Amino acid sequence: MPIALVFLIVLAHETKMPQGYNIRHGDLLYYLAFCVVMIVPRLVVDVFLLHVLETLHGYKIYDYFTFCDYRFRIRTRKW
């Protein structure tokens, strides 16, 4: 999301999207700051939810992804 917002800020004049939705340039900078600040809390919440799913429901999601990575690394044919 922050990368798309940076492109929108840089190409605001060419795309005319902010003008179409009546968004000021200063507001776009606030949106970008909010997106950057929210990266760490989202990571924390995602880790917490992963732990809750594993604890309450018994879904071993991390183990599954680790096994998928292992299978991908030892595959016999390259794509």
N, C-alpha and C. Protein backbone atom coordinates (compact mmCIF):
# COMPACT_ATOMS: atom_id res chain seq x y z
N MET A 1 0.81 -1.20 0.00
CA MET A 1 0.00 0.00 0.00
C MET A 1 0.86 1.27 0.00
N PRO A 2 1.91 1.36 0.82
CA PRO A 2 2.71 2.59 0.77
C PRO A 2 3.37 2.81 -0.59
N ILE A 3 3.74 1.74 -1.27
CA ILE A 3 4.38 1.90 -2.58
C ILE A 3 3.37 2.48 -3.59
N ALA A 4 2.16 1.98 -3.56
CA ALA A 4 1.13 2.50 -4.45
C ALA A 4 0.83 3.96 -4.13
N LEU A 5 0.85 4.29 -2.85
CA LEU A 5 0.59 5.67 -2.45
C LEU A 5 1.72 6.60 -2.88
N VAL A 6 2.95 6.12 -2.84
CA VAL A 6 4.08 6.92 -3.33
C VAL A 6 3.92 7.18 -4.82
N PHE A 7 3.55 6.14 -5.59
CA PHE A 7 3.32 6.34 -7.01
C PHE A 7 2.18 7.33 -7.25
N LEU A 8 1.15 7.26 -6.44
CA LEU A 8 0.03 8.19 -6.59
C LEU A 8 0.47 9.62 -6.29
N ILE A 9 1.33 9.80 -5.29
CA ILE A 9 1.82 11.14 -4.97
C ILE A 9 2.72 11.67 -6.08
N VAL A 10 3.62 10.80 -6.56
CA VAL A 10 4.56 11.24 -7.59
C VAL A 10 3.84 11.51 -8.91
N LEU A 11 2.87 10.69 -9.25
CA LEU A 11 2.17 10.83 -10.53
C LEU A 11 0.78 11.45 -10.37
N ALA A 12 0.61 12.29 -9.38
CA ALA A 12 -0.70 12.89 -9.12
C ALA A 12 -1.17 13.75 -10.28
N HIS A 13 -0.25 14.48 -10.87
CA HIS A 13 -0.64 15.37 -11.97
C HIS A 13 -1.01 14.58 -13.23
N GLU A 14 -0.28 13.48 -13.47
CA GLU A 14 -0.55 12.69 -14.67
C GLU A 14 -1.84 11.88 -14.55
N THR A 15 -2.07 11.29 -13.38
CA THR A 15 -3.25 10.43 -13.23
C THR A 15 -4.51 11.21 -12.90
N LYS A 16 -4.36 12.35 -12.28
CA LYS A 16 -5.48 13.20 -11.86
C LYS A 16 -6.44 12.48 -10.90
N MET A 17 -5.96 11.42 -10.26
CA MET A 17 -6.81 10.71 -9.31
C MET A 17 -7.09 11.53 -8.05
N PRO A 18 -6.09 12.17 -7.45
CA PRO A 18 -6.43 12.97 -6.26
C PRO A 18 -7.43 14.09 -6.57
N GLN A 19 -7.30 14.71 -7.72
CA GLN A 19 -8.25 15.77 -8.07
C GLN A 19 -9.64 15.19 -8.29
N GLY A 20 -9.72 14.00 -8.84
CA GLY A 20 -11.01 13.36 -9.09
C GLY A 20 -11.76 13.04 -7.81
N TYR A 21 -11.00 12.76 -6.74
CA TYR A 21 -11.62 12.45 -5.45
C TYR A 21 -11.51 13.59 -4.45
N ASN A 22 -11.08 14.76 -4.91
CA ASN A 22 -10.92 15.96 -4.08
C ASN A 22 -10.01 15.71 -2.88
N ILE A 23 -8.85 15.09 -3.13
CA ILE A 23 -7.85 14.84 -2.09
C ILE A 23 -6.71 15.83 -2.29
N ARG A 24 -6.39 16.57 -1.24
CA ARG A 24 -5.30 17.54 -1.32
C ARG A 24 -3.96 16.81 -1.24
N HIS A 25 -2.92 17.46 -1.75
CA HIS A 25 -1.58 16.88 -1.73
C HIS A 25 -1.10 16.67 -0.29
N GLY A 26 -1.41 17.60 0.58
CA GLY A 26 -1.02 17.45 1.99
C GLY A 26 -1.68 16.25 2.65
N ASP A 27 -2.92 15.98 2.27
CA ASP A 27 -3.61 14.81 2.82
C ASP A 27 -2.97 13.51 2.35
N LEU A 28 -2.50 13.49 1.11
CA LEU A 28 -1.80 12.30 0.61
C LEU A 28 -0.55 12.02 1.43
N LEU A 29 0.13 13.08 1.84
CA LEU A 29 1.32 12.88 2.68
C LEU A 29 0.95 12.32 4.05
N TYR A 30 -0.19 12.76 4.60
CA TYR A 30 -0.67 12.19 5.86
C TYR A 30 -1.03 10.71 5.69
N TYR A 31 -1.67 10.38 4.58
CA TYR A 31 -2.01 8.98 4.31
C TYR A 31 -0.74 8.13 4.22
N LEU A 32 0.28 8.66 3.56
CA LEU A 32 1.53 7.94 3.43
C LEU A 32 2.19 7.75 4.79
N ALA A 33 2.21 8.79 5.61
CA ALA A 33 2.79 8.67 6.96
C ALA A 33 2.03 7.63 7.77
N PHE A 34 0.72 7.63 7.67
CA PHE A 34 -0.08 6.65 8.40
C PHE A 34 0.23 5.23 7.95
N CYS A 35 0.36 5.02 6.63
CA CYS A 35 0.67 3.69 6.11
C CYS A 35 2.03 3.21 6.60
N VAL A 36 3.01 4.11 6.63
CA VAL A 36 4.35 3.73 7.08
C VAL A 36 4.34 3.41 8.57
N VAL A 37 3.63 4.22 9.35
CA VAL A 37 3.57 3.99 10.80
C VAL A 37 2.84 2.69 11.12
N MET A 38 1.86 2.32 10.31
CA MET A 38 1.06 1.13 10.59
C MET A 38 1.74 -0.19 10.21
N ILE A 39 2.91 -0.15 9.61
CA ILE A 39 3.59 -1.39 9.22
C ILE A 39 3.94 -2.23 10.44
N VAL A 40 4.55 -1.65 11.45
CA VAL A 40 4.96 -2.41 12.63
C VAL A 40 3.76 -2.95 13.42
N PRO A 41 2.74 -2.13 13.73
CA PRO A 41 1.59 -2.71 14.44
C PRO A 41 0.90 -3.82 13.68
N ARG A 42 0.84 -3.72 12.35
CA ARG A 42 0.21 -4.80 11.58
C ARG A 42 1.02 -6.08 11.67
N LEU A 43 2.33 -5.97 11.67
CA LEU A 43 3.16 -7.16 11.83
C LEU A 43 2.94 -7.80 13.19
N VAL A 44 2.87 -6.98 14.23
CA VAL A 44 2.64 -7.50 15.58
C VAL A 44 1.29 -8.19 15.67
N VAL A 45 0.26 -7.58 15.13
CA VAL A 45 -1.08 -8.17 15.17
C VAL A 45 -1.12 -9.46 14.36
N ASP A 46 -0.45 -9.49 13.21
CA ASP A 46 -0.43 -10.71 12.40
C ASP A 46 0.25 -11.86 13.14
N VAL A 47 1.35 -11.57 13.82
CA VAL A 47 2.03 -12.62 14.59
C VAL A 47 1.14 -13.09 15.74
N PHE A 48 0.48 -12.16 16.40
CA PHE A 48 -0.42 -12.52 17.49
C PHE A 48 -1.57 -13.40 16.99
N LEU A 49 -2.18 -13.04 15.86
CA LEU A 49 -3.27 -13.83 15.31
C LEU A 49 -2.80 -15.20 14.85
N LEU A 50 -1.60 -15.27 14.31
CA LEU A 50 -1.04 -16.56 13.94
C LEU A 50 -0.90 -17.45 15.17
N HIS A 51 -0.43 -16.87 16.26
CA HIS A 51 -0.29 -17.63 17.51
C HIS A 51 -1.67 -18.06 18.04
N VAL A 52 -2.66 -17.20 17.97
CA VAL A 52 -4.00 -17.54 18.44
C VAL A 52 -4.58 -18.69 17.63
N LEU A 53 -4.44 -18.63 16.31
CA LEU A 53 -4.95 -19.71 15.47
C LEU A 53 -4.28 -21.04 15.80
N GLU A 54 -2.97 -20.97 16.06
CA GLU A 54 -2.26 -22.20 16.38
C GLU A 54 -2.65 -22.73 17.75
N THR A 55 -2.86 -21.83 18.70
CA THR A 55 -3.19 -22.26 20.06
C THR A 55 -4.63 -22.74 20.19
N LEU A 56 -5.57 -21.99 19.70
CA LEU A 56 -6.98 -22.32 19.90
C LEU A 56 -7.48 -23.41 18.96
N HIS A 57 -7.09 -23.34 17.70
CA HIS A 57 -7.65 -24.26 16.71
C HIS A 57 -6.69 -25.39 16.34
N GLY A 58 -5.45 -25.30 16.75
CA GLY A 58 -4.49 -26.35 16.45
C GLY A 58 -3.94 -26.31 15.04
N TYR A 59 -4.16 -25.20 14.32
CA TYR A 59 -3.62 -25.08 12.97
C TYR A 59 -2.13 -24.77 13.07
N LYS A 60 -1.30 -25.63 12.55
CA LYS A 60 0.14 -25.44 12.59
C LYS A 60 0.58 -24.71 11.31
N ILE A 61 0.23 -23.44 11.21
CA ILE A 61 0.46 -22.68 9.99
C ILE A 61 1.95 -22.44 9.75
N TYR A 62 2.67 -22.09 10.80
CA TYR A 62 4.10 -21.83 10.64
C TYR A 62 4.83 -23.10 10.21
N ASP A 63 4.49 -24.22 10.82
CA ASP A 63 5.12 -25.49 10.44
C ASP A 63 4.79 -25.84 8.99
N TYR A 64 3.57 -25.57 8.57
CA TYR A 64 3.17 -25.85 7.19
C TYR A 64 3.98 -25.01 6.21
N PHE A 65 4.11 -23.71 6.49
CA PHE A 65 4.88 -22.85 5.59
C PHE A 65 6.36 -23.22 5.59
N THR A 66 6.88 -23.63 6.72
CA THR A 66 8.27 -24.08 6.79
C THR A 66 8.45 -25.33 5.92
N PHE A 67 7.50 -26.26 6.00
CA PHE A 67 7.57 -27.46 5.19
C PHE A 67 7.43 -27.14 3.70
N CYS A 68 6.56 -26.20 3.36
CA CYS A 68 6.41 -25.79 1.96
C CYS A 68 7.72 -25.18 1.43
N ASP A 69 8.38 -24.38 2.25
CA ASP A 69 9.66 -23.81 1.85
C ASP A 69 10.70 -24.91 1.65
N TYR A 70 10.70 -25.88 2.54
CA TYR A 70 11.62 -27.01 2.42
C TYR A 70 11.36 -27.79 1.12
N ARG A 71 10.09 -28.08 0.83
CA ARG A 71 9.75 -28.79 -0.40
C ARG A 71 10.15 -28.00 -1.64
N PHE A 72 9.99 -26.67 -1.57
CA PHE A 72 10.35 -25.83 -2.72
C PHE A 72 11.85 -25.86 -2.95
N ARG A 73 12.64 -25.84 -1.87
CA ARG A 73 14.09 -25.82 -2.03
C ARG A 73 14.65 -27.15 -2.53
N ILE A 74 14.00 -28.27 -2.23
CA ILE A 74 14.54 -29.57 -2.66
C ILE A 74 13.82 -30.15 -3.88
N ARG A 75 13.08 -29.33 -4.60
CA ARG A 75 12.33 -29.83 -5.75
C ARG A 75 13.31 -30.37 -6.80
N THR A 76 12.84 -31.31 -7.58
CA THR A 76 13.72 -31.97 -8.55
C THR A 76 13.86 -31.17 -9.84
N ARG A 77 12.82 -30.44 -10.23
CA ARG A 77 12.86 -29.66 -11.46
C ARG A 77 12.68 -28.19 -11.15
N LYS A 78 13.45 -27.37 -11.85
CA LYS A 78 13.27 -25.93 -11.74
C LYS A 78 12.10 -25.51 -12.59
N TRP A 79 11.51 -24.41 -12.26
CA TRP A 79 10.35 -23.95 -13.02
C TRP A 79 10.84 -23.37 -14.28
